[in-house]
Amino acid sequence: MNFTPGSSCQSCAMPMRKNDDHGSEKDASRSEDYCCYCYQNGDFVNPDMSLEEMIGLCASEMDEIGMMPYEEARKLNERLMPPLKRWRV
């Protein structure tokens, strides 16, 4: 299955640019909505993680890889993540 370039994980907002970026379903097919870091074998890797925890984790990762400083990444994720499919109430 090929996915639309520019799709983003509906849990962490990571861009999913290639098939391997997508998580997996129980039948081993690729998830259309979630990345390989958030979703494996049809389940969330961290099912009890809160939105606030995800925002902090992703901001730390973005800072660590030099994408942007932690506080800037945190503010960006605070805007991007709440509307994502996983976090909609």
C-alpha atoms as a PDB file:
ATOM      1  CA  MET A   1       0.000   0.000   0.000  1.00  0.00           C
ATOM      2  CA  ASN A   2       1.311   3.460  -0.815  1.00  0.00           C
ATOM      3  CA  PHE A   3       0.406   6.438   1.286  1.00  0.00           C
ATOM      4  CA  THR A   4      -0.034  10.069   0.458  1.00  0.00           C
ATOM      5  CA  PRO A   5       3.211  11.993   0.845  1.00  0.00           C
ATOM      6  CA  GLY A   6       2.856  14.544   3.596  1.00  0.00           C
ATOM      7  CA  SER A   7       0.602  12.486   5.837  1.00  0.00           C
ATOM      8  CA  SER A   8       1.346  12.834   9.547  1.00  0.00           C
ATOM      9  CA  CYS A   9       0.908  10.525  12.507  1.00  0.00           C
ATOM     10  CA  GLN A  10      -2.416  11.158  14.220  1.00  0.00           C
ATOM     11  CA  SER A  11      -0.762  10.588  17.605  1.00  0.00           C
ATOM     12  CA  CYS A  12       2.575  12.456  17.542  1.00  0.00           C
ATOM     13  CA  ALA A  13       2.324  14.534  14.317  1.00  0.00           C
ATOM     14  CA  MET A  14       5.500  12.994  12.857  1.00  0.00           C
ATOM     15  CA  PRO A  15       5.577  13.292   9.076  1.00  0.00           C
ATOM     16  CA  MET A  16       5.248   9.845   7.500  1.00  0.00           C
ATOM     17  CA  ARG A  17       7.148  10.176   4.247  1.00  0.00           C
ATOM     18  CA  LYS A  18       7.656   6.500   3.414  1.00  0.00           C
ATOM     19  CA  ASN A  19       5.766   3.265   4.007  1.00  0.00           C
ATOM     20  CA  ASP A  20       8.159   2.155   6.759  1.00  0.00           C
ATOM     21  CA  ASP A  21       7.262   5.272   8.778  1.00  0.00           C
ATOM     22  CA  HIS A  22       3.727   3.903   9.220  1.00  0.00           C
ATOM     23  CA  GLY A  23       2.821   1.691  12.167  1.00  0.00           C
ATOM     24  CA  SER A  24       1.411  -1.791  11.752  1.00  0.00           C
ATOM     25  CA  GLU A  25      -2.022  -3.310  12.209  1.00  0.00           C
ATOM     26  CA  LYS A  26      -2.670  -6.758  13.728  1.00  0.00           C
ATOM     27  CA  ASP A  27      -2.742  -8.268  10.226  1.00  0.00           C
ATOM     28  CA  ALA A  28       0.721  -6.750   9.515  1.00  0.00           C
ATOM     29  CA  SER A  29      -0.703  -4.137   7.111  1.00  0.00           C
ATOM     30  CA  ARG A  30       0.457  -0.554   7.528  1.00  0.00           C
ATOM     31  CA  SER A  31      -1.609   1.862   9.581  1.00  0.00           C
ATOM     32  CA  GLU A  32      -2.975   4.790   7.634  1.00  0.00           C
ATOM     33  CA  ASP A  33      -3.142   6.995  10.731  1.00  0.00           C
ATOM     34  CA  TYR A  34      -0.249   6.200  13.066  1.00  0.00           C
ATOM     35  CA  CYS A  35       3.548   6.011  12.853  1.00  0.00           C
ATOM     36  CA  CYS A  36       5.790   3.067  13.676  1.00  0.00           C
ATOM     37  CA  TYR A  37       6.881   4.693  16.951  1.00  0.00           C
ATOM     38  CA  CYS A  38       3.347   5.164  18.272  1.00  0.00           C
ATOM     39  CA  TYR A  39       1.527   2.119  16.899  1.00  0.00           C
ATOM     40  CA  GLN A  40       2.598  -1.501  16.443  1.00  0.00           C
ATOM     41  CA  ASN A  41       0.597  -4.679  15.857  1.00  0.00           C
ATOM     42  CA  GLY A  42      -2.713  -2.811  16.065  1.00  0.00           C
ATOM     43  CA  ASP A  43      -2.060  -1.173  19.437  1.00  0.00           C
ATOM     44  CA  PHE A  44      -0.493   1.992  20.757  1.00  0.00           C
ATOM     45  CA  VAL A  45       3.033   1.420  22.060  1.00  0.00           C
ATOM     46  CA  ASN A  46       2.219   3.531  25.126  1.00  0.00           C
ATOM     47  CA  PRO A  47      -1.565   3.193  25.502  1.00  0.00           C
ATOM     48  CA  ASP A  48      -1.709   5.074  28.802  1.00  0.00           C
ATOM     49  CA  MET A  49       0.344   8.059  27.647  1.00  0.00           C
ATOM     50  CA  SER A  50      -1.459  11.367  28.061  1.00  0.00           C
ATOM     51  CA  LEU A  51      -1.467  14.182  25.529  1.00  0.00           C
ATOM     52  CA  GLU A  52       0.705  16.237  27.885  1.00  0.00           C
ATOM     53  CA  GLU A  53       3.242  13.409  28.134  1.00  0.00           C
ATOM     54  CA  MET A  54       3.324  13.029  24.340  1.00  0.00           C
ATOM     55  CA  ILE A  55       3.899  16.749  23.891  1.00  0.00           C
ATOM     56  CA  GLY A  56       6.853  16.624  26.292  1.00  0.00           C
ATOM     57  CA  LEU A  57       8.314  13.455  24.774  1.00  0.00           C
ATOM     58  CA  CYS A  58       8.163  14.797  21.229  1.00  0.00           C
ATOM     59  CA  ALA A  59       9.578  18.177  22.269  1.00  0.00           C
ATOM     60  CA  SER A  60      12.502  16.382  23.947  1.00  0.00           C
ATOM     61  CA  GLU A  61      13.126  14.263  20.840  1.00  0.00           C
ATOM     62  CA  MET A  62      12.987  17.311  18.574  1.00  0.00           C
ATOM     63  CA  ASP A  63      15.477  19.121  20.819  1.00  0.00           C
ATOM     64  CA  GLU A  64      17.755  16.074  21.015  1.00  0.00           C
ATOM     65  CA  ILE A  65      18.035  15.679  17.243  1.00  0.00           C
ATOM     66  CA  GLY A  66      18.641  19.417  16.813  1.00  0.00           C
ATOM     67  CA  MET A  67      15.374  20.165  15.050  1.00  0.00           C
ATOM     68  CA  MET A  68      14.550  23.034  17.416  1.00  0.00           C
ATOM     69  CA  PRO A  69      15.017  23.998  21.074  1.00  0.00           C
ATOM     70  CA  TYR A  70      12.784  22.244  23.607  1.00  0.00           C
ATOM     71  CA  GLU A  71      10.566  25.235  24.481  1.00  0.00           C
ATOM     72  CA  GLU A  72       9.963  26.089  20.832  1.00  0.00           C
ATOM     73  CA  ALA A  73       9.155  22.441  20.047  1.00  0.00           C
ATOM     74  CA  ARG A  74       6.836  22.250  23.053  1.00  0.00           C
ATOM     75  CA  LYS A  75       4.868  25.301  21.902  1.00  0.00           C
ATOM     76  CA  LEU A  76       4.607  23.889  18.377  1.00  0.00           C
ATOM     77  CA  ASN A  77       3.381  20.507  19.675  1.00  0.00           C
ATOM     78  CA  GLU A  78       0.869  22.189  21.991  1.00  0.00           C
ATOM     79  CA  ARG A  79      -0.730  23.637  18.843  1.00  0.00           C
ATOM     80  CA  LEU A  80      -0.371  20.606  16.551  1.00  0.00           C
ATOM     81  CA  MET A  81      -1.315  17.659  18.737  1.00  0.00           C
ATOM     82  CA  PRO A  82      -4.676  18.373  20.427  1.00  0.00           C
ATOM     83  CA  PRO A  83      -6.679  18.139  17.162  1.00  0.00           C
ATOM     84  CA  LEU A  84      -5.067  14.829  16.134  1.00  0.00           C
ATOM     85  CA  LYS A  85      -7.288  11.739  15.935  1.00  0.00           C
ATOM     86  CA  ARG A  86      -5.788  10.044  19.025  1.00  0.00           C
ATOM     87  CA  TRP A  87      -6.379  13.045  21.288  1.00  0.00           C
ATOM     88  CA  ARG A  88      -9.837  14.192  20.156  1.00  0.00           C
ATOM     89  CA  VAL A  89     -12.307  13.740  22.959  1.00  0.00           C
END
